[in-house]
Amino acid sequence: MPWVDPVDVATVTGLRLLAEDWTGRQVQAVHGPAHLTWTAAAAMLSTATGVSIKAQRITHDDERADLRHAGMSQVAVEGIIGMTLGERDGFIPEQQRSVLTTTSSSLAGWAITHLRPALTGQHSD
């Protein structure tokens, strides 16, 4: 599945909205630099943060309970569950990966820049 830095989403969105040929409704995929398995993503996050992270499959009911325990509303919980339903059976993007849909920011880079400081309490803001 693709892992995408929010900065890449903002950049692609801004460029599409500023394009003079833009009209109506358009779909623009943003796939990040590579599709990753959950295990590969966990390994990258472990390396980037210095925290041992392992991918573990849980049921939708357990995921709902965890999200509710974290303070999310029922509407937000169901939205997240809805987004993850396709991931269980394999991700099939509406648009295939191409030069246009591939962005450069890696999960590891995002984790080093944003997650590691959050875990160590060394925020730059």
PDB file of N, CA and C in Angstrom:
ATOM      1  N   MET A   1       0.836  -1.165   0.000  1.00  0.00           N
ATOM      2  CA  MET A   1       0.000   0.000   0.000  1.00  0.00           C
ATOM      3  C   MET A   1       0.886   1.234   0.000  1.00  0.00           C
ATOM      4  N   PRO A   2       0.421   2.326  -0.592  1.00  0.00           N
ATOM      5  CA  PRO A   2       1.247   3.532  -0.613  1.00  0.00           C
ATOM      6  C   PRO A   2       1.215   4.240   0.733  1.00  0.00           C
ATOM      7  N   TRP A   3       2.318   4.854   1.098  1.00  0.00           N
ATOM      8  CA  TRP A   3       2.412   5.678   2.302  1.00  0.00           C
ATOM      9  C   TRP A   3       2.799   7.072   1.828  1.00  0.00           C
ATOM     10  N   VAL A   4       2.006   8.062   2.195  1.00  0.00           N
ATOM     11  CA  VAL A   4       2.153   9.396   1.623  1.00  0.00           C
ATOM     12  C   VAL A   4       2.328  10.435   2.715  1.00  0.00           C
ATOM     13  N   ASP A   5       3.326  11.282   2.554  1.00  0.00           N
ATOM     14  CA  ASP A   5       3.561  12.404   3.460  1.00  0.00           C
ATOM     15  C   ASP A   5       2.472  13.455   3.215  1.00  0.00           C
ATOM     16  N   PRO A   6       1.828  13.962   4.265  1.00  0.00           N
ATOM     17  CA  PRO A   6       0.810  15.007   4.087  1.00  0.00           C
ATOM     18  C   PRO A   6       1.316  16.218   3.302  1.00  0.00           C
ATOM     19  N   VAL A   7       2.600  16.518   3.388  1.00  0.00           N
ATOM     20  CA  VAL A   7       3.160  17.632   2.614  1.00  0.00           C
ATOM     21  C   VAL A   7       3.038  17.345   1.116  1.00  0.00           C
ATOM     22  N   ASP A   8       3.230  16.089   0.718  1.00  0.00           N
ATOM     23  CA  ASP A   8       3.075  15.735  -0.693  1.00  0.00           C
ATOM     24  C   ASP A   8       1.624  15.894  -1.140  1.00  0.00           C
ATOM     25  N   VAL A   9       0.687  15.526  -0.296  1.00  0.00           N
ATOM     26  CA  VAL A   9      -0.738  15.706  -0.625  1.00  0.00           C
ATOM     27  C   VAL A   9      -1.035  17.192  -0.806  1.00  0.00           C
ATOM     28  N   ALA A  10      -0.546  18.023   0.096  1.00  0.00           N
ATOM     29  CA  ALA A  10      -0.772  19.465   0.002  1.00  0.00           C
ATOM     30  C   ALA A  10      -0.129  20.047  -1.255  1.00  0.00           C
ATOM     31  N   THR A  11       1.055  19.601  -1.582  1.00  0.00           N
ATOM     32  CA  THR A  11       1.757  20.103  -2.769  1.00  0.00           C
ATOM     33  C   THR A  11       1.005  19.732  -4.040  1.00  0.00           C
ATOM     34  N   VAL A  12       0.611  18.465  -4.168  1.00  0.00           N
ATOM     35  CA  VAL A  12      -0.120  18.018  -5.351  1.00  0.00           C
ATOM     36  C   VAL A  12      -1.458  18.749  -5.451  1.00  0.00           C
ATOM     37  N   THR A  13      -2.138  18.893  -4.335  1.00  0.00           N
ATOM     38  CA  THR A  13      -3.428  19.583  -4.329  1.00  0.00           C
ATOM     39  C   THR A  13      -3.268  21.038  -4.771  1.00  0.00           C
ATOM     40  N   GLY A  14      -2.291  21.715  -4.200  1.00  0.00           N
ATOM     41  CA  GLY A  14      -2.056  23.113  -4.564  1.00  0.00           C
ATOM     42  C   GLY A  14      -1.731  23.275  -6.036  1.00  0.00           C
ATOM     43  N   LEU A  15      -0.872  22.411  -6.560  1.00  0.00           N
ATOM     44  CA  LEU A  15      -0.508  22.493  -7.974  1.00  0.00           C
ATOM     45  C   LEU A  15      -1.702  22.229  -8.884  1.00  0.00           C
ATOM     46  N   ARG A  16      -2.531  21.262  -8.513  1.00  0.00           N
ATOM     47  CA  ARG A  16      -3.715  20.965  -9.328  1.00  0.00           C
ATOM     48  C   ARG A  16      -4.699  22.132  -9.300  1.00  0.00           C
ATOM     49  N   LEU A  17      -4.914  22.724  -8.135  1.00  0.00           N
ATOM     50  CA  LEU A  17      -5.861  23.836  -8.031  1.00  0.00           C
ATOM     51  C   LEU A  17      -5.354  25.088  -8.743  1.00  0.00           C
ATOM     52  N   LEU A  18      -4.054  25.273  -8.793  1.00  0.00           N
ATOM     53  CA  LEU A  18      -3.481  26.441  -9.450  1.00  0.00           C
ATOM     54  C   LEU A  18      -3.328  26.271 -10.966  1.00  0.00           C
ATOM     55  N   ALA A  19      -3.473  25.051 -11.459  1.00  0.00           N
ATOM     56  CA  ALA A  19      -3.349  24.801 -12.899  1.00  0.00           C
ATOM     57  C   ALA A  19      -4.467  25.521 -13.647  1.00  0.00           C
ATOM     58  N   GLU A  20      -4.110  26.220 -14.691  1.00  0.00           N
ATOM     59  CA  GLU A  20      -5.085  27.003 -15.443  1.00  0.00           C
ATOM     60  C   GLU A  20      -6.075  26.137 -16.227  1.00  0.00           C
ATOM     61  N   ASP A  21      -5.725  24.887 -16.482  1.00  0.00           N
ATOM     62  CA  ASP A  21      -6.632  24.012 -17.241  1.00  0.00           C
ATOM     63  C   ASP A  21      -7.586  23.222 -16.337  1.00  0.00           C
ATOM     64  N   TRP A  22      -7.588  23.526 -15.057  1.00  0.00           N
ATOM     65  CA  TRP A  22      -8.412  22.788 -14.104  1.00  0.00           C
ATOM     66  C   TRP A  22      -9.863  23.230 -14.186  1.00  0.00           C
ATOM     67  N   THR A  23     -10.781  22.278 -14.373  1.00  0.00           N
ATOM     68  CA  THR A  23     -12.220  22.547 -14.328  1.00  0.00           C
ATOM     69  C   THR A  23     -12.919  21.319 -13.777  1.00  0.00           C
ATOM     70  N   GLY A  24     -14.080  21.534 -13.198  1.00  0.00           N
ATOM     71  CA  GLY A  24     -14.912  20.418 -12.751  1.00  0.00           C
ATOM     72  C   GLY A  24     -14.277  19.580 -11.667  1.00  0.00           C
ATOM     73  N   ARG A  25     -14.567  18.293 -11.707  1.00  0.00           N
ATOM     74  CA  ARG A  25     -14.059  17.350 -10.719  1.00  0.00           C
ATOM     75  C   ARG A  25     -12.942  16.535 -11.344  1.00  0.00           C
ATOM     76  N   GLN A  26     -11.825  16.458 -10.667  1.00  0.00           N
ATOM     77  CA  GLN A  26     -10.708  15.647 -11.135  1.00  0.00           C
ATOM     78  C   GLN A  26     -10.181  14.822  -9.973  1.00  0.00           C
ATOM     79  N   VAL A  27      -9.770  13.622 -10.253  1.00  0.00           N
ATOM     80  CA  VAL A  27      -9.154  12.754  -9.251  1.00  0.00           C
ATOM     81  C   VAL A  27      -7.668  12.690  -9.552  1.00  0.00           C
ATOM     82  N   GLN A  28      -6.861  12.931  -8.549  1.00  0.00           N
ATOM     83  CA  GLN A  28      -5.415  12.863  -8.703  1.00  0.00           C
ATOM     84  C   GLN A  28      -4.854  11.979  -7.607  1.00  0.00           C
ATOM     85  N   ALA A  29      -4.358  10.827  -7.973  1.00  0.00           N
ATOM     86  CA  ALA A  29      -3.760   9.925  -6.986  1.00  0.00           C
ATOM     87  C   ALA A  29      -2.434  10.489  -6.494  1.00  0.00           C
ATOM     88  N   VAL A  30      -2.115  10.175  -5.248  1.00  0.00           N
ATOM     89  CA  VAL A  30      -0.832  10.531  -4.639  1.00  0.00           C
ATOM     90  C   VAL A  30      -0.347   9.255  -3.949  1.00  0.00           C
ATOM     91  N   HIS A  31       0.661   8.606  -4.538  1.00  0.00           N
ATOM     92  CA  HIS A  31       1.084   7.282  -4.066  1.00  0.00           C
ATOM     93  C   HIS A  31       2.351   7.255  -3.226  1.00  0.00           C
ATOM     94  N   GLY A  32       3.023   8.370  -3.020  1.00  0.00           N
ATOM     95  CA  GLY A  32       4.288   8.305  -2.311  1.00  0.00           C
ATOM     96  C   GLY A  32       5.337   7.622  -3.174  1.00  0.00           C
ATOM     97  N   PRO A  33       6.551   7.420  -2.654  1.00  0.00           N
ATOM     98  CA  PRO A  33       7.640   6.882  -3.464  1.00  0.00           C
ATOM     99  C   PRO A  33       7.570   5.368  -3.708  1.00  0.00           C
ATOM    100  N   ALA A  34       6.872   4.631  -2.842  1.00  0.00           N
ATOM    101  CA  ALA A  34       6.846   3.170  -2.993  1.00  0.00           C
ATOM    102  C   ALA A  34       5.682   2.580  -2.211  1.00  0.00           C
ATOM    103  N   HIS A  35       5.146   1.481  -2.718  1.00  0.00           N
ATOM    104  CA  HIS A  35       4.161   0.723  -1.961  1.00  0.00           C
ATOM    105  C   HIS A  35       4.922  -0.103  -0.918  1.00  0.00           C
ATOM    106  N   LEU A  36       4.402  -0.157   0.287  1.00  0.00           N
ATOM    107  CA  LEU A  36       5.058  -0.881   1.372  1.00  0.00           C
ATOM    108  C   LEU A  36       4.087  -1.853   2.017  1.00  0.00           C
ATOM    109  N   THR A  37       4.604  -2.979   2.455  1.00  0.00           N
ATOM    110  CA  THR A  37       3.809  -3.875   3.286  1.00  0.00           C
ATOM    111  C   THR A  37       3.764  -3.288   4.695  1.00  0.00           C
ATOM    112  N   TRP A  38       2.852  -3.765   5.510  1.00  0.00           N
ATOM    113  CA  TRP A  38       2.805  -3.312   6.903  1.00  0.00           C
ATOM    114  C   TRP A  38       4.107  -3.666   7.617  1.00  0.00           C
ATOM    115  N   THR A  39       4.667  -4.831   7.306  1.00  0.00           N
ATOM    116  CA  THR A  39       5.918  -5.247   7.939  1.00  0.00           C
ATOM    117  C   THR A  39       7.060  -4.315   7.548  1.00  0.00           C
ATOM    118  N   ALA A  40       7.133  -3.945   6.272  1.00  0.00           N
ATOM    119  CA  ALA A  40       8.183  -3.025   5.812  1.00  0.00           C
ATOM    120  C   ALA A  40       7.999  -1.647   6.449  1.00  0.00           C
ATOM    121  N   ALA A  41       6.763  -1.187   6.543  1.00  0.00           N
ATOM    122  CA  ALA A  41       6.497   0.113   7.176  1.00  0.00           C
ATOM    123  C   ALA A  41       6.916   0.085   8.643  1.00  0.00           C
ATOM    124  N   ALA A  42       6.598  -0.985   9.341  1.00  0.00           N
ATOM    125  CA  ALA A  42       6.985  -1.104  10.748  1.00  0.00           C
ATOM    126  C   ALA A  42       8.499  -1.098  10.896  1.00  0.00           C
ATOM    127  N   ALA A  43       9.202  -1.785  10.007  1.00  0.00           N
ATOM    128  CA  ALA A  43      10.669  -1.808  10.065  1.00  0.00           C
ATOM    129  C   ALA A  43      11.244  -0.420   9.824  1.00  0.00           C
ATOM    130  N   MET A  44      10.706   0.312   8.855  1.00  0.00           N
ATOM    131  CA  MET A  44      11.181   1.676   8.598  1.00  0.00           C
ATOM    132  C   MET A  44      10.938   2.579   9.800  1.00  0.00           C
ATOM    133  N   LEU A  45       9.752   2.475  10.384  1.00  0.00           N
ATOM    134  CA  LEU A  45       9.440   3.303  11.548  1.00  0.00           C
ATOM    135  C   LEU A  45      10.329   2.947  12.728  1.00  0.00           C
ATOM    136  N   SER A  46      10.625   1.674  12.907  1.00  0.00           N
ATOM    137  CA  SER A  46      11.527   1.248  13.982  1.00  0.00           C
ATOM    138  C   SER A  46      12.910   1.860  13.806  1.00  0.00           C
ATOM    139  N   THR A  47      13.433   1.796  12.589  1.00  0.00           N
ATOM    140  CA  THR A  47      14.755   2.355  12.304  1.00  0.00           C
ATOM    141  C   THR A  47      14.762   3.869  12.496  1.00  0.00           C
ATOM    142  N   ALA A  48      13.732   4.530  12.005  1.00  0.00           N
ATOM    143  CA  ALA A  48      13.677   5.998  12.057  1.00  0.00           C
ATOM    144  C   ALA A  48      13.506   6.529  13.475  1.00  0.00           C
ATOM    145  N   THR A  49      12.803   5.790  14.311  1.00  0.00           N
ATOM    146  CA  THR A  49      12.496   6.294  15.656  1.00  0.00           C
ATOM    147  C   THR A  49      13.334   5.670  16.757  1.00  0.00           C
ATOM    148  N   GLY A  50      13.951   4.527  16.483  1.00  0.00           N
ATOM    149  CA  GLY A  50      14.673   3.825  17.534  1.00  0.00           C
ATOM    150  C   GLY A  50      13.750   3.065  18.475  1.00  0.00           C
ATOM    151  N   VAL A  51      12.482   2.965  18.110  1.00  0.00           N
ATOM    152  CA  VAL A  51      11.484   2.241  18.905  1.00  0.00           C
ATOM    153  C   VAL A  51      11.095   0.984  18.137  1.00  0.00           C
ATOM    154  N   SER A  52      11.093  -0.158  18.811  1.00  0.00           N
ATOM    155  CA  SER A  52      10.724  -1.405  18.154  1.00  0.00           C
ATOM    156  C   SER A  52       9.222  -1.403  17.847  1.00  0.00           C
ATOM    157  N   ILE A  53       8.899  -1.485  16.563  1.00  0.00           N
ATOM    158  CA  ILE A  53       7.504  -1.471  16.127  1.00  0.00           C
ATOM    159  C   ILE A  53       7.284  -2.717  15.290  1.00  0.00           C
ATOM    160  N   LYS A  54       6.206  -3.451  15.587  1.00  0.00           N
ATOM    161  CA  LYS A  54       5.862  -4.649  14.831  1.00  0.00           C
ATOM    162  C   LYS A  54       4.436  -4.492  14.303  1.00  0.00           C
ATOM    163  N   ALA A  55       4.231  -4.923  13.076  1.00  0.00           N
ATOM    164  CA  ALA A  55       2.889  -4.933  12.495  1.00  0.00           C
ATOM    165  C   ALA A  55       2.111  -6.079  13.112  1.00  0.00           C
ATOM    166  N   GLN A  56       0.868  -5.798  13.486  1.00  0.00           N
ATOM    167  CA  GLN A  56       0.022  -6.824  14.089  1.00  0.00           C
ATOM    168  C   GLN A  56      -1.391  -6.638  13.575  1.00  0.00           C
ATOM    169  N   ARG A  57      -1.973  -7.674  13.021  1.00  0.00           N
ATOM    170  CA  ARG A  57      -3.339  -7.604  12.517  1.00  0.00           C
ATOM    171  C   ARG A  57      -4.315  -7.717  13.689  1.00  0.00           C
ATOM    172  N   ILE A  58      -5.289  -6.805  13.707  1.00  0.00           N
ATOM    173  CA  ILE A  58      -6.340  -6.863  14.725  1.00  0.00           C
ATOM    174  C   ILE A  58      -7.686  -6.857  14.022  1.00  0.00           C
ATOM    175  N   THR A  59      -8.720  -7.261  14.743  1.00  0.00           N
ATOM    176  CA  THR A  59     -10.058  -7.279  14.157  1.00  0.00           C
ATOM    177  C   THR A  59     -10.609  -5.859  14.072  1.00  0.00           C
ATOM    178  N   HIS A  60     -11.620  -5.678  13.239  1.00  0.00           N
ATOM    179  CA  HIS A  60     -12.265  -4.367  13.147  1.00  0.00           C
ATOM    180  C   HIS A  60     -12.871  -3.967  14.490  1.00  0.00           C
ATOM    181  N   ASP A  61     -13.419  -4.928  15.210  1.00  0.00           N
ATOM    182  CA  ASP A  61     -14.009  -4.616  16.525  1.00  0.00           C
ATOM    183  C   ASP A  61     -12.939  -4.142  17.505  1.00  0.00           C
ATOM    184  N   ASP A  62     -11.772  -4.790  17.498  1.00  0.00           N
ATOM    185  CA  ASP A  62     -10.682  -4.350  18.374  1.00  0.00           C
ATOM    186  C   ASP A  62     -10.183  -2.962  17.963  1.00  0.00           C
ATOM    187  N   GLU A  63     -10.105  -2.721  16.642  1.00  0.00           N
ATOM    188  CA  GLU A  63      -9.684  -1.408  16.155  1.00  0.00           C
ATOM    189  C   GLU A  63     -10.684  -0.331  16.595  1.00  0.00           C
ATOM    190  N   ARG A  64     -11.973  -0.627  16.469  1.00  0.00           N
ATOM    191  CA  ARG A  64     -13.006   0.318  16.924  1.00  0.00           C
ATOM    192  C   ARG A  64     -12.822   0.636  18.407  1.00  0.00           C
ATOM    193  N   ALA A  65     -12.617  -0.405  19.207  1.00  0.00           N
ATOM    194  CA  ALA A  65     -12.471  -0.219  20.650  1.00  0.00           C
ATOM    195  C   ALA A  65     -11.239   0.628  20.967  1.00  0.00           C
ATOM    196  N   ASP A  66     -10.125   0.367  20.280  1.00  0.00           N
ATOM    197  CA  ASP A  66      -8.898   1.137  20.504  1.00  0.00           C
ATOM    198  C   ASP A  66      -9.094   2.611  20.135  1.00  0.00           C
ATOM    199  N   LEU A  67      -9.738   2.866  19.008  1.00  0.00           N
ATOM    200  CA  LEU A  67      -9.966   4.240  18.574  1.00  0.00           C
ATOM    201  C   LEU A  67     -10.917   4.978  19.519  1.00  0.00           C
ATOM    202  N   ARG A  68     -11.955   4.290  19.977  1.00  0.00           N
ATOM    203  CA  ARG A  68     -12.886   4.902  20.945  1.00  0.00           C
ATOM    204  C   ARG A  68     -12.156   5.189  22.259  1.00  0.00           C
ATOM    205  N   HIS A  69     -11.302   4.266  22.677  1.00  0.00           N
ATOM    206  CA  HIS A  69     -10.524   4.445  23.908  1.00  0.00           C
ATOM    207  C   HIS A  69      -9.589   5.652  23.789  1.00  0.00           C
ATOM    208  N   ALA A  70      -9.124   5.924  22.565  1.00  0.00           N
ATOM    209  CA  ALA A  70      -8.242   7.071  22.324  1.00  0.00           C
ATOM    210  C   ALA A  70      -9.024   8.388  22.281  1.00  0.00           C
ATOM    211  N   GLY A  71     -10.363   8.311  22.391  1.00  0.00           N
ATOM    212  CA  GLY A  71     -11.179   9.521  22.466  1.00  0.00           C
ATOM    213  C   GLY A  71     -11.851   9.946  21.179  1.00  0.00           C
ATOM    214  N   MET A  72     -11.807   9.105  20.153  1.00  0.00           N
ATOM    215  CA  MET A  72     -12.438   9.472  18.883  1.00  0.00           C
ATOM    216  C   MET A  72     -13.947   9.281  18.960  1.00  0.00           C
ATOM    217  N   SER A  73     -14.665  10.130  18.232  1.00  0.00           N
ATOM    218  CA  SER A  73     -16.120  10.006  18.161  1.00  0.00           C
ATOM    219  C   SER A  73     -16.484   8.771  17.341  1.00  0.00           C
ATOM    220  N   GLN A  74     -17.713   8.313  17.486  1.00  0.00           N
ATOM    221  CA  GLN A  74     -18.167   7.140  16.744  1.00  0.00           C
ATOM    222  C   GLN A  74     -18.123   7.405  15.234  1.00  0.00           C
ATOM    223  N   VAL A  75     -18.478   8.618  14.823  1.00  0.00           N
ATOM    224  CA  VAL A  75     -18.435   8.969  13.399  1.00  0.00           C
ATOM    225  C   VAL A  75     -16.995   8.881  12.872  1.00  0.00           C
ATOM    226  N   ALA A  76     -16.033   9.425  13.622  1.00  0.00           N
ATOM    227  CA  ALA A  76     -14.632   9.371  13.203  1.00  0.00           C
ATOM    228  C   ALA A  76     -14.139   7.924  13.166  1.00  0.00           C
ATOM    229  N   VAL A  77     -14.512   7.146  14.163  1.00  0.00           N
ATOM    230  CA  VAL A  77     -14.105   5.737  14.220  1.00  0.00           C
ATOM    231  C   VAL A  77     -14.611   5.000  12.983  1.00  0.00           C
ATOM    232  N   GLU A  78     -15.884   5.169  12.656  1.00  0.00           N
ATOM    233  CA  GLU A  78     -16.450   4.465  11.506  1.00  0.00           C
ATOM    234  C   GLU A  78     -15.831   4.952  10.200  1.00  0.00           C
ATOM    235  N   GLY A  79     -15.451   6.221  10.137  1.00  0.00           N
ATOM    236  CA  GLY A  79     -14.762   6.728   8.955  1.00  0.00           C
ATOM    237  C   GLY A  79     -13.423   6.043   8.758  1.00  0.00           C
ATOM    238  N   ILE A  80     -12.673   5.885   9.843  1.00  0.00           N
ATOM    239  CA  ILE A  80     -11.373   5.214   9.753  1.00  0.00           C
ATOM    240  C   ILE A  80     -11.547   3.740   9.415  1.00  0.00           C
ATOM    241  N   ILE A  81     -12.509   3.085  10.045  1.00  0.00           N
ATOM    242  CA  ILE A  81     -12.774   1.673   9.738  1.00  0.00           C
ATOM    243  C   ILE A  81     -13.138   1.527   8.256  1.00  0.00           C
ATOM    244  N   GLY A  82     -13.962   2.443   7.761  1.00  0.00           N
ATOM    245  CA  GLY A  82     -14.347   2.402   6.347  1.00  0.00           C
ATOM    246  C   GLY A  82     -13.150   2.529   5.426  1.00  0.00           C
ATOM    247  N   MET A  83     -12.196   3.388   5.792  1.00  0.00           N
ATOM    248  CA  MET A  83     -11.002   3.553   4.966  1.00  0.00           C
ATOM    249  C   MET A  83     -10.108   2.330   5.004  1.00  0.00           C
ATOM    250  N   THR A  84     -10.127   1.583   6.093  1.00  0.00           N
ATOM    251  CA  THR A  84      -9.226   0.432   6.216  1.00  0.00           C
ATOM    252  C   THR A  84      -9.824  -0.860   5.664  1.00  0.00           C
ATOM    253  N   LEU A  85     -11.107  -0.876   5.342  1.00  0.00           N
ATOM    254  CA  LEU A  85     -11.727  -2.116   4.868  1.00  0.00           C
ATOM    255  C   LEU A  85     -11.016  -2.691   3.645  1.00  0.00           C
ATOM    256  N   GLY A  86     -10.676  -1.859   2.676  1.00  0.00           N
ATOM    257  CA  GLY A  86     -10.005  -2.335   1.476  1.00  0.00           C
ATOM    258  C   GLY A  86      -8.592  -2.811   1.722  1.00  0.00           C
ATOM    259  N   GLU A  87      -7.968  -2.317   2.773  1.00  0.00           N
ATOM    260  CA  GLU A  87      -6.585  -2.702   3.058  1.00  0.00           C
ATOM    261  C   GLU A  87      -6.478  -4.161   3.476  1.00  0.00           C
ATOM    262  N   ARG A  88      -7.522  -4.692   4.042  1.00  0.00           N
ATOM    263  CA  ARG A  88      -7.473  -6.078   4.522  1.00  0.00           C
ATOM    264  C   ARG A  88      -7.365  -7.066   3.361  1.00  0.00           C
ATOM    265  N   ASP A  89      -7.983  -6.711   2.233  1.00  0.00           N
ATOM    266  CA  ASP A  89      -8.011  -7.631   1.092  1.00  0.00           C
ATOM    267  C   ASP A  89      -7.042  -7.237  -0.010  1.00  0.00           C
ATOM    268  N   GLY A  90      -6.224  -6.232   0.245  1.00  0.00           N
ATOM    269  CA  GLY A  90      -5.283  -5.758  -0.765  1.00  0.00           C
ATOM    270  C   GLY A  90      -5.727  -4.427  -1.320  1.00  0.00           C
ATOM    271  N   PHE A  91      -4.815  -3.512  -1.389  1.00  0.00           N
ATOM    272  CA  PHE A  91      -5.110  -2.152  -1.839  1.00  0.00           C
ATOM    273  C   PHE A  91      -5.133  -2.099  -3.360  1.00  0.00           C
ATOM    274  N   ILE A  92      -6.224  -1.612  -3.929  1.00  0.00           N
ATOM    275  CA  ILE A  92      -6.313  -1.431  -5.373  1.00  0.00           C
ATOM    276  C   ILE A  92      -6.643   0.038  -5.613  1.00  0.00           C
ATOM    277  N   PRO A  93      -5.647   0.820  -6.044  1.00  0.00           N
ATOM    278  CA  PRO A  93      -5.881   2.253  -6.219  1.00  0.00           C
ATOM    279  C   PRO A  93      -6.754   2.550  -7.426  1.00  0.00           C
ATOM    280  N   GLU A  94      -7.492   3.654  -7.359  1.00  0.00           N
ATOM    281  CA  GLU A  94      -8.296   4.092  -8.498  1.00  0.00           C
ATOM    282  C   GLU A  94      -7.394   4.428  -9.680  1.00  0.00           C
ATOM    283  N   GLN A  95      -6.239   5.032  -9.407  1.00  0.00           N
ATOM    284  CA  GLN A  95      -5.254   5.332 -10.445  1.00  0.00           C
ATOM    285  C   GLN A  95      -3.978   4.555 -10.130  1.00  0.00           C
ATOM    286  N   GLN A  96      -3.438   3.917 -11.136  1.00  0.00           N
ATOM    287  CA  GLN A  96      -2.208   3.159 -10.944  1.00  0.00           C
ATOM    288  C   GLN A  96      -1.022   4.102 -10.743  1.00  0.00           C
ATOM    289  N   ARG A  97       0.031   3.579 -10.160  1.00  0.00           N
ATOM    290  CA  ARG A  97       1.258   4.354  -9.970  1.00  0.00           C
ATOM    291  C   ARG A  97       1.824   4.758 -11.323  1.00  0.00           C
ATOM    292  N   SER A  98       2.231   6.014 -11.415  1.00  0.00           N
ATOM    293  CA  SER A  98       2.857   6.544 -12.622  1.00  0.00           C
ATOM    294  C   SER A  98       3.792   7.680 -12.198  1.00  0.00           C
ATOM    295  N   VAL A  99       4.465   8.280 -13.161  1.00  0.00           N
ATOM    296  CA  VAL A  99       5.312   9.433 -12.854  1.00  0.00           C
ATOM    297  C   VAL A  99       4.459  10.545 -12.234  1.00  0.00           C
ATOM    298  N   LEU A 100       3.239  10.717 -12.715  1.00  0.00           N
ATOM    299  CA  LEU A 100       2.357  11.767 -12.214  1.00  0.00           C
ATOM    300  C   LEU A 100       1.876  11.500 -10.788  1.00  0.00           C
ATOM    301  N   THR A 101       1.664  10.239 -10.428  1.00  0.00           N
ATOM    302  CA  THR A 101       1.101   9.923  -9.111  1.00  0.00           C
ATOM    303  C   THR A 101       2.149   9.637  -8.040  1.00  0.00           C
ATOM    304  N   THR A 102       3.415   9.478  -8.437  1.00  0.00           N
ATOM    305  CA  THR A 102       4.477   9.139  -7.488  1.00  0.00           C
ATOM    306  C   THR A 102       5.097  10.407  -6.912  1.00  0.00           C
ATOM    307  N   THR A 103       5.120  10.495  -5.597  1.00  0.00           N
ATOM    308  CA  THR A 103       5.739  11.632  -4.912  1.00  0.00           C
ATOM    309  C   THR A 103       7.003  11.159  -4.204  1.00  0.00           C
ATOM    310  N   SER A 104       7.816  12.097  -3.765  1.00  0.00           N
ATOM    311  CA  SER A 104       9.171  11.734  -3.329  1.00  0.00           C
ATOM    312  C   SER A 104       9.361  11.539  -1.823  1.00  0.00           C
ATOM    313  N   SER A 105       8.502  12.079  -0.998  1.00  0.00           N
ATOM    314  CA  SER A 105       8.741  12.025   0.458  1.00  0.00           C
ATOM    315  C   SER A 105       8.494  10.624   1.010  1.00  0.00           C
ATOM    316  N   SER A 106       9.499  10.062   1.653  1.00  0.00           N
ATOM    317  CA  SER A 106       9.400   8.687   2.158  1.00  0.00           C
ATOM    318  C   SER A 106       8.798   8.640   3.556  1.00  0.00           C
ATOM    319  N   LEU A 107       8.285   7.469   3.914  1.00  0.00           N
ATOM    320  CA  LEU A 107       7.782   7.244   5.268  1.00  0.00           C
ATOM    321  C   LEU A 107       8.918   7.422   6.272  1.00  0.00           C
ATOM    322  N   ALA A 108      10.100   6.926   5.952  1.00  0.00           N
ATOM    323  CA  ALA A 108      11.238   7.056   6.864  1.00  0.00           C
ATOM    324  C   ALA A 108      11.587   8.523   7.088  1.00  0.00           C
ATOM    325  N   GLY A 109      11.601   9.310   6.015  1.00  0.00           N
ATOM    326  CA  GLY A 109      11.889  10.738   6.148  1.00  0.00           C
ATOM    327  C   GLY A 109      10.863  11.458   6.998  1.00  0.00           C
ATOM    328  N   TRP A 110       9.583  11.129   6.770  1.00  0.00           N
ATOM    329  CA  TRP A 110       8.523  11.730   7.591  1.00  0.00           C
ATOM    330  C   TRP A 110       8.717  11.353   9.059  1.00  0.00           C
ATOM    331  N   ALA A 111       9.016  10.089   9.314  1.00  0.00           N
ATOM    332  CA  ALA A 111       9.179   9.626  10.693  1.00  0.00           C
ATOM    333  C   ALA A 111      10.348  10.307  11.387  1.00  0.00           C
ATOM    334  N   ILE A 112      11.451  10.480  10.667  1.00  0.00           N
ATOM    335  CA  ILE A 112      12.615  11.161  11.254  1.00  0.00           C
ATOM    336  C   ILE A 112      12.288  12.615  11.555  1.00  0.00           C
ATOM    337  N   THR A 113      11.587  13.268  10.638  1.00  0.00           N
ATOM    338  CA  THR A 113      11.272  14.686  10.781  1.00  0.00           C
ATOM    339  C   THR A 113      10.180  14.958  11.805  1.00  0.00           C
ATOM    340  N   HIS A 114       9.151  14.120  11.841  1.00  0.00           N
ATOM    341  CA  HIS A 114       7.978  14.421  12.657  1.00  0.00           C
ATOM    342  C   HIS A 114       7.749  13.460  13.832  1.00  0.00           C
ATOM    343  N   LEU A 115       7.878  12.168  13.587  1.00  0.00           N
ATOM    344  CA  LEU A 115       7.553  11.197  14.630  1.00  0.00           C
ATOM    345  C   LEU A 115       8.641  11.086  15.686  1.00  0.00           C
ATOM    346  N   ARG A 116       9.900  10.985  15.254  1.00  0.00           N
ATOM    347  CA  ARG A 116      10.997  10.885  16.229  1.00  0.00           C
ATOM    348  C   ARG A 116      10.994  12.048  17.219  1.00  0.00           C
ATOM    349  N   PRO A 117      10.882  13.312  16.758  1.00  0.00           N
ATOM    350  CA  PRO A 117      10.839  14.424  17.715  1.00  0.00           C
ATOM    351  C   PRO A 117       9.630  14.350  18.654  1.00  0.00           C
ATOM    352  N   ALA A 118       8.507  13.893  18.146  1.00  0.00           N
ATOM    353  CA  ALA A 118       7.313  13.778  18.991  1.00  0.00           C
ATOM    354  C   ALA A 118       7.525  12.735  20.081  1.00  0.00           C
ATOM    355  N   LEU A 119       8.214  11.640  19.746  1.00  0.00           N
ATOM    356  CA  LEU A 119       8.460  10.583  20.726  1.00  0.00           C
ATOM    357  C   LEU A 119       9.528  10.973  21.749  1.00  0.00           C
ATOM    358  N   THR A 120      10.461  11.822  21.338  1.00  0.00           N
ATOM    359  CA  THR A 120      11.539  12.214  22.243  1.00  0.00           C
ATOM    360  C   THR A 120      11.278  13.545  22.935  1.00  0.00           C
ATOM    361  N   GLY A 121      10.142  14.176  22.590  1.00  0.00           N
ATOM    362  CA  GLY A 121       9.810  15.470  23.202  1.00  0.00           C
ATOM    363  C   GLY A 121      10.642  16.622  22.688  1.00  0.00           C
ATOM    364  N   GLN A 122      11.230  16.474  21.519  1.00  0.00           N
ATOM    365  CA  GLN A 122      12.092  17.517  20.964  1.00  0.00           C
ATOM    366  C   GLN A 122      11.410  18.214  19.783  1.00  0.00           C
ATOM    367  N   HIS A 123      10.211  18.746  20.026  1.00  0.00           N
ATOM    368  CA  HIS A 123       9.482  19.450  18.975  1.00  0.00           C
ATOM    369  C   HIS A 123      10.196  20.745  18.611  1.00  0.00           C
ATOM    370  N   SER A 124      10.135  21.071  17.325  1.00  0.00           N
ATOM    371  CA  SER A 124      10.775  22.303  16.870  1.00  0.00           C
ATOM    372  C   SER A 124       9.823  23.493  16.949  1.00  0.00           C
ATOM    373  N   ASP A 125       8.536  23.281  17.245  1.00  0.00           N
ATOM    374  CA  ASP A 125       7.591  24.385  17.306  1.00  0.00           C
ATOM    375  C   ASP A 125       7.275  24.823  18.690  1.00  0.00           C
TER     376      ASP A 125
END
